[in-house]
Amino acid sequence: MNKTELVAAIADKADLSKKDAEKALKAFTDTVSEQLKKGDKIQLVGFGTFEVTKRAAREGRNPQTNEVMKIPASKAPKFKAGKALKDLVNKK
């Protein structure tokens, strides 16, 4: 499912126009992005948690030259699915 299909599905389920559904989706993604940038955690009970994890600096190798290189420390966004979502996906 791409963004256009997601917007159409949201519009259909929430009885909104596609334009309003797209605004709502953009507001959601912008808000999640801003909060993660600040280092906050977003918890949606039953759905999952968005958070930022820290990656330590480490050594890696260039696969073409086999040369050792330093990979700097960084932060990465992470999503952990909630129990209700996991149960729904695994339901037979």
PDB file of N, CA and C in Angstrom:
ATOM      1  N   MET A   1       0.851  -1.173   0.000  1.00  0.00           N
ATOM      2  CA  MET A   1       0.000   0.000   0.000  1.00  0.00           C
ATOM      3  C   MET A   1       0.898   1.238   0.000  1.00  0.00           C
ATOM      4  N   ASN A   2       0.624   2.137  -0.920  1.00  0.00           N
ATOM      5  CA  ASN A   2       1.391   3.386  -0.961  1.00  0.00           C
ATOM      6  C   ASN A   2       0.589   4.501  -0.275  1.00  0.00           C
ATOM      7  N   LYS A   3       1.152   5.701  -0.268  1.00  0.00           N
ATOM      8  CA  LYS A   3       0.528   6.811   0.454  1.00  0.00           C
ATOM      9  C   LYS A   3      -0.863   7.145  -0.104  1.00  0.00           C
ATOM     10  N   THR A   4      -1.000   7.153  -1.419  1.00  0.00           N
ATOM     11  CA  THR A   4      -2.283   7.481  -2.039  1.00  0.00           C
ATOM     12  C   THR A   4      -3.353   6.479  -1.625  1.00  0.00           C
ATOM     13  N   GLU A   5      -2.999   5.204  -1.620  1.00  0.00           N
ATOM     14  CA  GLU A   5      -3.950   4.162  -1.215  1.00  0.00           C
ATOM     15  C   GLU A   5      -4.290   4.280   0.273  1.00  0.00           C
ATOM     16  N   LEU A   6      -3.293   4.625   1.089  1.00  0.00           N
ATOM     17  CA  LEU A   6      -3.521   4.811   2.516  1.00  0.00           C
ATOM     18  C   LEU A   6      -4.469   5.981   2.766  1.00  0.00           C
ATOM     19  N   VAL A   7      -4.247   7.084   2.083  1.00  0.00           N
ATOM     20  CA  VAL A   7      -5.123   8.257   2.222  1.00  0.00           C
ATOM     21  C   VAL A   7      -6.554   7.890   1.831  1.00  0.00           C
ATOM     22  N   ALA A   8      -6.707   7.140   0.744  1.00  0.00           N
ATOM     23  CA  ALA A   8      -8.044   6.730   0.298  1.00  0.00           C
ATOM     24  C   ALA A   8      -8.709   5.824   1.335  1.00  0.00           C
ATOM     25  N   ALA A   9      -7.949   4.908   1.929  1.00  0.00           N
ATOM     26  CA  ALA A   9      -8.499   4.006   2.941  1.00  0.00           C
ATOM     27  C   ALA A   9      -8.906   4.771   4.200  1.00  0.00           C
ATOM     28  N   ILE A  10      -8.073   5.721   4.620  1.00  0.00           N
ATOM     29  CA  ILE A  10      -8.396   6.549   5.792  1.00  0.00           C
ATOM     30  C   ILE A  10      -9.655   7.371   5.517  1.00  0.00           C
ATOM     31  N   ALA A  11      -9.728   7.961   4.348  1.00  0.00           N
ATOM     32  CA  ALA A  11     -10.893   8.772   3.974  1.00  0.00           C
ATOM     33  C   ALA A  11     -12.164   7.927   4.009  1.00  0.00           C
ATOM     34  N   ASP A  12     -12.073   6.714   3.509  1.00  0.00           N
ATOM     35  CA  ASP A  12     -13.229   5.824   3.476  1.00  0.00           C
ATOM     36  C   ASP A  12     -13.657   5.409   4.890  1.00  0.00           C
ATOM     37  N   LYS A  13     -12.703   4.993   5.717  1.00  0.00           N
ATOM     38  CA  LYS A  13     -13.018   4.523   7.078  1.00  0.00           C
ATOM     39  C   LYS A  13     -13.503   5.642   7.982  1.00  0.00           C
ATOM     40  N   ALA A  14     -12.924   6.837   7.850  1.00  0.00           N
ATOM     41  CA  ALA A  14     -13.263   7.950   8.745  1.00  0.00           C
ATOM     42  C   ALA A  14     -14.354   8.849   8.162  1.00  0.00           C
ATOM     43  N   ASP A  15     -14.853   8.492   6.981  1.00  0.00           N
ATOM     44  CA  ASP A  15     -15.881   9.287   6.315  1.00  0.00           C
ATOM     45  C   ASP A  15     -15.412  10.737   6.132  1.00  0.00           C
ATOM     46  N   LEU A  16     -14.210  10.870   5.597  1.00  0.00           N
ATOM     47  CA  LEU A  16     -13.617  12.181   5.326  1.00  0.00           C
ATOM     48  C   LEU A  16     -13.367  12.321   3.831  1.00  0.00           C
ATOM     49  N   SER A  17     -13.116  13.549   3.410  1.00  0.00           N
ATOM     50  CA  SER A  17     -12.684  13.734   2.024  1.00  0.00           C
ATOM     51  C   SER A  17     -11.222  13.294   1.956  1.00  0.00           C
ATOM     52  N   LYS A  18     -10.771  12.973   0.753  1.00  0.00           N
ATOM     53  CA  LYS A  18      -9.373  12.561   0.591  1.00  0.00           C
ATOM     54  C   LYS A  18      -8.432  13.692   0.998  1.00  0.00           C
ATOM     55  N   LYS A  19      -8.846  14.921   0.733  1.00  0.00           N
ATOM     56  CA  LYS A  19      -8.023  16.081   1.095  1.00  0.00           C
ATOM     57  C   LYS A  19      -7.863  16.178   2.613  1.00  0.00           C
ATOM     58  N   ASP A  20      -8.954  15.982   3.353  1.00  0.00           N
ATOM     59  CA  ASP A  20      -8.895  16.028   4.818  1.00  0.00           C
ATOM     60  C   ASP A  20      -8.097  14.848   5.377  1.00  0.00           C
ATOM     61  N   ALA A  21      -8.269  13.686   4.767  1.00  0.00           N
ATOM     62  CA  ALA A  21      -7.528  12.504   5.212  1.00  0.00           C
ATOM     63  C   ALA A  21      -6.026  12.706   4.989  1.00  0.00           C
ATOM     64  N   GLU A  22      -5.670  13.317   3.871  1.00  0.00           N
ATOM     65  CA  GLU A  22      -4.254  13.580   3.590  1.00  0.00           C
ATOM     66  C   GLU A  22      -3.684  14.588   4.596  1.00  0.00           C
ATOM     67  N   LYS A  23      -4.468  15.611   4.946  1.00  0.00           N
ATOM     68  CA  LYS A  23      -4.040  16.587   5.955  1.00  0.00           C
ATOM     69  C   LYS A  23      -3.828  15.903   7.300  1.00  0.00           C
ATOM     70  N   ALA A  24      -4.746  15.006   7.670  1.00  0.00           N
ATOM     71  CA  ALA A  24      -4.644  14.292   8.944  1.00  0.00           C
ATOM     72  C   ALA A  24      -3.405  13.394   8.965  1.00  0.00           C
ATOM     73  N   LEU A  25      -3.163  12.683   7.872  1.00  0.00           N
ATOM     74  CA  LEU A  25      -1.987  11.814   7.787  1.00  0.00           C
ATOM     75  C   LEU A  25      -0.704  12.635   7.863  1.00  0.00           C
ATOM     76  N   LYS A  26      -0.671  13.765   7.160  1.00  0.00           N
ATOM     77  CA  LYS A  26       0.515  14.628   7.192  1.00  0.00           C
ATOM     78  C   LYS A  26       0.726  15.187   8.593  1.00  0.00           C
ATOM     79  N   ALA A  27      -0.340  15.591   9.258  1.00  0.00           N
ATOM     80  CA  ALA A  27      -0.231  16.101  10.628  1.00  0.00           C
ATOM     81  C   ALA A  27       0.322  15.020  11.555  1.00  0.00           C
ATOM     82  N   PHE A  28      -0.153  13.784  11.387  1.00  0.00           N
ATOM     83  CA  PHE A  28       0.324  12.671  12.212  1.00  0.00           C
ATOM     84  C   PHE A  28       1.817  12.428  11.985  1.00  0.00           C
ATOM     85  N   THR A  29       2.229  12.304  10.718  1.00  0.00           N
ATOM     86  CA  THR A  29       3.644  12.015  10.440  1.00  0.00           C
ATOM     87  C   THR A  29       4.547  13.169  10.853  1.00  0.00           C
ATOM     88  N   ASP A  30       4.092  14.408  10.655  1.00  0.00           N
ATOM     89  CA  ASP A  30       4.890  15.563  11.070  1.00  0.00           C
ATOM     90  C   ASP A  30       5.051  15.606  12.587  1.00  0.00           C
ATOM     91  N   THR A  31       3.966  15.336  13.308  1.00  0.00           N
ATOM     92  CA  THR A  31       4.012  15.368  14.772  1.00  0.00           C
ATOM     93  C   THR A  31       4.927  14.269  15.308  1.00  0.00           C
ATOM     94  N   VAL A  32       4.802  13.060  14.761  1.00  0.00           N
ATOM     95  CA  VAL A  32       5.667  11.958  15.195  1.00  0.00           C
ATOM     96  C   VAL A  32       7.127  12.310  14.911  1.00  0.00           C
ATOM     97  N   SER A  33       7.413  12.835  13.737  1.00  0.00           N
ATOM     98  CA  SER A  33       8.788  13.212  13.375  1.00  0.00           C
ATOM     99  C   SER A  33       9.354  14.274  14.313  1.00  0.00           C
ATOM    100  N   GLU A  34       8.553  15.294  14.603  1.00  0.00           N
ATOM    101  CA  GLU A  34       9.009  16.374  15.497  1.00  0.00           C
ATOM    102  C   GLU A  34       9.303  15.841  16.900  1.00  0.00           C
ATOM    103  N   GLN A  35       8.429  14.999  17.409  1.00  0.00           N
ATOM    104  CA  GLN A  35       8.624  14.467  18.761  1.00  0.00           C
ATOM    105  C   GLN A  35       9.839  13.546  18.823  1.00  0.00           C
ATOM    106  N   LEU A  36      10.049  12.730  17.790  1.00  0.00           N
ATOM    107  CA  LEU A  36      11.226  11.861  17.766  1.00  0.00           C
ATOM    108  C   LEU A  36      12.504  12.691  17.668  1.00  0.00           C
ATOM    109  N   LYS A  37      12.447  13.782  16.915  1.00  0.00           N
ATOM    110  CA  LYS A  37      13.620  14.658  16.797  1.00  0.00           C
ATOM    111  C   LYS A  37      13.993  15.235  18.161  1.00  0.00           C
ATOM    112  N   LYS A  38      12.981  15.526  18.982  1.00  0.00           N
ATOM    113  CA  LYS A  38      13.226  16.045  20.336  1.00  0.00           C
ATOM    114  C   LYS A  38      13.707  14.953  21.285  1.00  0.00           C
ATOM    115  N   GLY A  39      13.566  13.692  20.872  1.00  0.00           N
ATOM    116  CA  GLY A  39      13.970  12.581  21.726  1.00  0.00           C
ATOM    117  C   GLY A  39      12.832  11.989  22.525  1.00  0.00           C
ATOM    118  N   ASP A  40      11.604  12.450  22.256  1.00  0.00           N
ATOM    119  CA  ASP A  40      10.439  11.933  22.967  1.00  0.00           C
ATOM    120  C   ASP A  40      10.012  10.575  22.412  1.00  0.00           C
ATOM    121  N   LYS A  41       9.189   9.885  23.188  1.00  0.00           N
ATOM    122  CA  LYS A  41       8.646   8.588  22.792  1.00  0.00           C
ATOM    123  C   LYS A  41       7.145   8.754  22.607  1.00  0.00           C
ATOM    124  N   ILE A  42       6.585   8.174  21.558  1.00  0.00           N
ATOM    125  CA  ILE A  42       5.155   8.234  21.297  1.00  0.00           C
ATOM    126  C   ILE A  42       4.591   6.835  21.488  1.00  0.00           C
ATOM    127  N   GLN A  43       3.654   6.708  22.423  1.00  0.00           N
ATOM    128  CA  GLN A  43       3.083   5.413  22.744  1.00  0.00           C
ATOM    129  C   GLN A  43       1.604   5.406  22.390  1.00  0.00           C
ATOM    130  N   LEU A  44       1.210   4.540  21.485  1.00  0.00           N
ATOM    131  CA  LEU A  44      -0.191   4.379  21.101  1.00  0.00           C
ATOM    132  C   LEU A  44      -0.622   3.002  21.607  1.00  0.00           C
ATOM    133  N   VAL A  45      -1.331   2.987  22.726  1.00  0.00           N
ATOM    134  CA  VAL A  45      -1.705   1.737  23.381  1.00  0.00           C
ATOM    135  C   VAL A  45      -2.474   0.847  22.411  1.00  0.00           C
ATOM    136  N   GLY A  46      -2.052  -0.392  22.306  1.00  0.00           N
ATOM    137  CA  GLY A  46      -2.681  -1.358  21.416  1.00  0.00           C
ATOM    138  C   GLY A  46      -2.104  -1.349  20.017  1.00  0.00           C
ATOM    139  N   PHE A  47      -1.444  -0.278  19.622  1.00  0.00           N
ATOM    140  CA  PHE A  47      -0.865  -0.190  18.282  1.00  0.00           C
ATOM    141  C   PHE A  47       0.639  -0.371  18.332  1.00  0.00           C
ATOM    142  N   GLY A  48       1.329   0.504  19.086  1.00  0.00           N
ATOM    143  CA  GLY A  48       2.781   0.388  19.180  1.00  0.00           C
ATOM    144  C   GLY A  48       3.433   1.646  19.699  1.00  0.00           C
ATOM    145  N   THR A  49       4.758   1.622  19.708  1.00  0.00           N
ATOM    146  CA  THR A  49       5.547   2.721  20.252  1.00  0.00           C
ATOM    147  C   THR A  49       6.590   3.167  19.239  1.00  0.00           C
ATOM    148  N   PHE A  50       6.665   4.473  19.039  1.00  0.00           N
ATOM    149  CA  PHE A  50       7.712   5.074  18.217  1.00  0.00           C
ATOM    150  C   PHE A  50       8.746   5.647  19.184  1.00  0.00           C
ATOM    151  N   GLU A  51      10.023   5.347  18.971  1.00  0.00           N
ATOM    152  CA  GLU A  51      11.067   5.908  19.823  1.00  0.00           C
ATOM    153  C   GLU A  51      12.371   6.018  19.053  1.00  0.00           C
ATOM    154  N   VAL A  52      13.334   6.688  19.669  1.00  0.00           N
ATOM    155  CA  VAL A  52      14.656   6.861  19.062  1.00  0.00           C
ATOM    156  C   VAL A  52      15.643   5.995  19.829  1.00  0.00           C
ATOM    157  N   THR A  53      16.448   5.232  19.097  1.00  0.00           N
ATOM    158  CA  THR A  53      17.490   4.435  19.734  1.00  0.00           C
ATOM    159  C   THR A  53      18.844   5.015  19.342  1.00  0.00           C
ATOM    160  N   LYS A  54      19.809   4.833  20.221  1.00  0.00           N
ATOM    161  CA  LYS A  54      21.160   5.326  19.953  1.00  0.00           C
ATOM    162  C   LYS A  54      22.027   4.176  19.478  1.00  0.00           C
ATOM    163  N   ARG A  55      22.790   4.434  18.435  1.00  0.00           N
ATOM    164  CA  ARG A  55      23.742   3.449  17.919  1.00  0.00           C
ATOM    165  C   ARG A  55      25.143   3.927  18.282  1.00  0.00           C
ATOM    166  N   ALA A  56      25.907   3.069  18.884  1.00  0.00           N
ATOM    167  CA  ALA A  56      27.267   3.423  19.285  1.00  0.00           C
ATOM    168  C   ALA A  56      28.183   3.493  18.060  1.00  0.00           C
ATOM    169  N   ALA A  57      29.256   4.241  18.202  1.00  0.00           N
ATOM    170  CA  ALA A  57      30.259   4.290  17.139  1.00  0.00           C
ATOM    171  C   ALA A  57      30.899   2.905  17.042  1.00  0.00           C
ATOM    172  N   ARG A  58      31.249   2.516  15.833  1.00  0.00           N
ATOM    173  CA  ARG A  58      31.844   1.192  15.649  1.00  0.00           C
ATOM    174  C   ARG A  58      32.726   1.174  14.413  1.00  0.00           C
ATOM    175  N   GLU A  59      33.463   0.095  14.262  1.00  0.00           N
ATOM    176  CA  GLU A  59      34.301  -0.066  13.074  1.00  0.00           C
ATOM    177  C   GLU A  59      33.581  -0.944  12.072  1.00  0.00           C
ATOM    178  N   GLY A  60      33.724  -0.606  10.829  1.00  0.00           N
ATOM    179  CA  GLY A  60      33.139  -1.409   9.758  1.00  0.00           C
ATOM    180  C   GLY A  60      34.180  -1.621   8.681  1.00  0.00           C
ATOM    181  N   ARG A  61      33.805  -2.335   7.658  1.00  0.00           N
ATOM    182  CA  ARG A  61      34.720  -2.576   6.538  1.00  0.00           C
ATOM    183  C   ARG A  61      34.031  -2.204   5.232  1.00  0.00           C
ATOM    184  N   ASN A  62      34.806  -1.576   4.358  1.00  0.00           N
ATOM    185  CA  ASN A  62      34.332  -1.297   3.018  1.00  0.00           C
ATOM    186  C   ASN A  62      34.370  -2.633   2.267  1.00  0.00           C
ATOM    187  N   PRO A  63      33.229  -3.139   1.802  1.00  0.00           N
ATOM    188  CA  PRO A  63      33.225  -4.454   1.169  1.00  0.00           C
ATOM    189  C   PRO A  63      34.011  -4.526  -0.145  1.00  0.00           C
ATOM    190  N   GLN A  64      34.222  -3.389  -0.802  1.00  0.00           N
ATOM    191  CA  GLN A  64      34.962  -3.404  -2.066  1.00  0.00           C
ATOM    192  C   GLN A  64      36.463  -3.442  -1.848  1.00  0.00           C
ATOM    193  N   THR A  65      36.940  -2.667  -0.859  1.00  0.00           N
ATOM    194  CA  THR A  65      38.386  -2.586  -0.644  1.00  0.00           C
ATOM    195  C   THR A  65      38.838  -3.327   0.605  1.00  0.00           C
ATOM    196  N   ASN A  66      37.889  -3.770   1.413  1.00  0.00           N
ATOM    197  CA  ASN A  66      38.173  -4.433   2.690  1.00  0.00           C
ATOM    198  C   ASN A  66      38.887  -3.501   3.670  1.00  0.00           C
ATOM    199  N   GLU A  67      38.831  -2.210   3.402  1.00  0.00           N
ATOM    200  CA  GLU A  67      39.485  -1.209   4.250  1.00  0.00           C
ATOM    201  C   GLU A  67      38.629  -0.958   5.502  1.00  0.00           C
ATOM    202  N   VAL A  68      39.301  -0.863   6.661  1.00  0.00           N
ATOM    203  CA  VAL A  68      38.607  -0.586   7.914  1.00  0.00           C
ATOM    204  C   VAL A  68      38.197   0.886   7.930  1.00  0.00           C
ATOM    205  N   MET A  69      36.968   1.130   8.366  1.00  0.00           N
ATOM    206  CA  MET A  69      36.493   2.512   8.444  1.00  0.00           C
ATOM    207  C   MET A  69      35.696   2.690   9.720  1.00  0.00           C
ATOM    208  N   LYS A  70      35.664   3.907  10.221  1.00  0.00           N
ATOM    209  CA  LYS A  70      34.917   4.198  11.442  1.00  0.00           C
ATOM    210  C   LYS A  70      33.514   4.638  11.067  1.00  0.00           C
ATOM    211  N   ILE A  71      32.536   4.034  11.737  1.00  0.00           N
ATOM    212  CA  ILE A  71      31.144   4.423  11.554  1.00  0.00           C
ATOM    213  C   ILE A  71      30.764   5.240  12.789  1.00  0.00           C
ATOM    214  N   PRO A  72      30.395   6.498  12.607  1.00  0.00           N
ATOM    215  CA  PRO A  72      30.118   7.359  13.767  1.00  0.00           C
ATOM    216  C   PRO A  72      28.836   6.949  14.496  1.00  0.00           C
ATOM    217  N   ALA A  73      28.730   7.372  15.738  1.00  0.00           N
ATOM    218  CA  ALA A  73      27.523   7.135  16.524  1.00  0.00           C
ATOM    219  C   ALA A  73      26.364   7.869  15.860  1.00  0.00           C
ATOM    220  N   SER A  74      25.171   7.321  15.993  1.00  0.00           N
ATOM    221  CA  SER A  74      24.007   7.956  15.391  1.00  0.00           C
ATOM    222  C   SER A  74      22.748   7.579  16.166  1.00  0.00           C
ATOM    223  N   LYS A  75      21.653   8.212  15.797  1.00  0.00           N
ATOM    224  CA  LYS A  75      20.344   7.906  16.370  1.00  0.00           C
ATOM    225  C   LYS A  75      19.480   7.353  15.246  1.00  0.00           C
ATOM    226  N   ALA A  76      18.597   6.423  15.584  1.00  0.00           N
ATOM    227  CA  ALA A  76      17.729   5.831  14.571  1.00  0.00           C
ATOM    228  C   ALA A  76      16.302   5.719  15.113  1.00  0.00           C
ATOM    229  N   PRO A  77      15.303   6.063  14.296  1.00  0.00           N
ATOM    230  CA  PRO A  77      13.926   5.884  14.732  1.00  0.00           C
ATOM    231  C   PRO A  77      13.582   4.395  14.760  1.00  0.00           C
ATOM    232  N   LYS A  78      12.705   4.023  15.685  1.00  0.00           N
ATOM    233  CA  LYS A  78      12.348   2.621  15.851  1.00  0.00           C
ATOM    234  C   LYS A  78      10.855   2.528  16.156  1.00  0.00           C
ATOM    235  N   PHE A  79      10.204   1.514  15.612  1.00  0.00           N
ATOM    236  CA  PHE A  79       8.799   1.251  15.923  1.00  0.00           C
ATOM    237  C   PHE A  79       8.707  -0.139  16.518  1.00  0.00           C
ATOM    238  N   LYS A  80       8.055  -0.231  17.664  1.00  0.00           N
ATOM    239  CA  LYS A  80       7.837  -1.528  18.300  1.00  0.00           C
ATOM    240  C   LYS A  80       6.329  -1.764  18.350  1.00  0.00           C
ATOM    241  N   ALA A  81       5.878  -2.825  17.696  1.00  0.00           N
ATOM    242  CA  ALA A  81       4.446  -3.125  17.634  1.00  0.00           C
ATOM    243  C   ALA A  81       3.911  -3.499  19.001  1.00  0.00           C
ATOM    244  N   GLY A  82       2.690  -3.062  19.293  1.00  0.00           N
ATOM    245  CA  GLY A  82       2.027  -3.398  20.544  1.00  0.00           C
ATOM    246  C   GLY A  82       1.405  -4.789  20.487  1.00  0.00           C
ATOM    247  N   LYS A  83       1.005  -5.298  21.630  1.00  0.00           N
ATOM    248  CA  LYS A  83       0.470  -6.651  21.729  1.00  0.00           C
ATOM    249  C   LYS A  83      -0.786  -6.829  20.872  1.00  0.00           C
ATOM    250  N   ALA A  84      -1.693  -5.873  20.900  1.00  0.00           N
ATOM    251  CA  ALA A  84      -2.933  -5.998  20.127  1.00  0.00           C
ATOM    252  C   ALA A  84      -2.640  -6.081  18.629  1.00  0.00           C
ATOM    253  N   LEU A  85      -1.693  -5.290  18.142  1.00  0.00           N
ATOM    254  CA  LEU A  85      -1.326  -5.321  16.727  1.00  0.00           C
ATOM    255  C   LEU A  85      -0.660  -6.651  16.380  1.00  0.00           C
ATOM    256  N   LYS A  86       0.233  -7.121  17.236  1.00  0.00           N
ATOM    257  CA  LYS A  86       0.877  -8.415  16.996  1.00  0.00           C
ATOM    258  C   LYS A  86      -0.147  -9.534  16.946  1.00  0.00           C
ATOM    259  N   ASP A  87      -1.088  -9.513  17.888  1.00  0.00           N
ATOM    260  CA  ASP A  87      -2.124 -10.545  17.937  1.00  0.00           C
ATOM    261  C   ASP A  87      -2.999 -10.512  16.672  1.00  0.00           C
ATOM    262  N   LEU A  88      -3.332  -9.316  16.212  1.00  0.00           N
ATOM    263  CA  LEU A  88      -4.150  -9.162  15.021  1.00  0.00           C
ATOM    264  C   LEU A  88      -3.437  -9.708  13.785  1.00  0.00           C
ATOM    265  N   VAL A  89      -2.154  -9.415  13.657  1.00  0.00           N
ATOM    266  CA  VAL A  89      -1.369  -9.862  12.508  1.00  0.00           C
ATOM    267  C   VAL A  89      -1.188 -11.378  12.522  1.00  0.00           C
ATOM    268  N   ASN A  90      -1.047 -11.953  13.716  1.00  0.00           N
ATOM    269  CA  ASN A  90      -0.811 -13.399  13.828  1.00  0.00           C
ATOM    270  C   ASN A  90      -2.087 -14.225  13.933  1.00  0.00           C
ATOM    271  N   LYS A  91      -3.233 -13.574  13.928  1.00  0.00           N
ATOM    272  CA  LYS A  91      -4.518 -14.271  14.046  1.00  0.00           C
ATOM    273  C   LYS A  91      -4.744 -15.154  12.824  1.00  0.00           C
ATOM    274  N   LYS A  92      -5.203 -16.363  13.062  1.00  0.00           N
ATOM    275  CA  LYS A  92      -5.426 -17.290  11.940  1.00  0.00           C
ATOM    276  C   LYS A  92      -6.877 -17.331  11.562  1.00  0.00           C
TER     277      LYS A  92
END
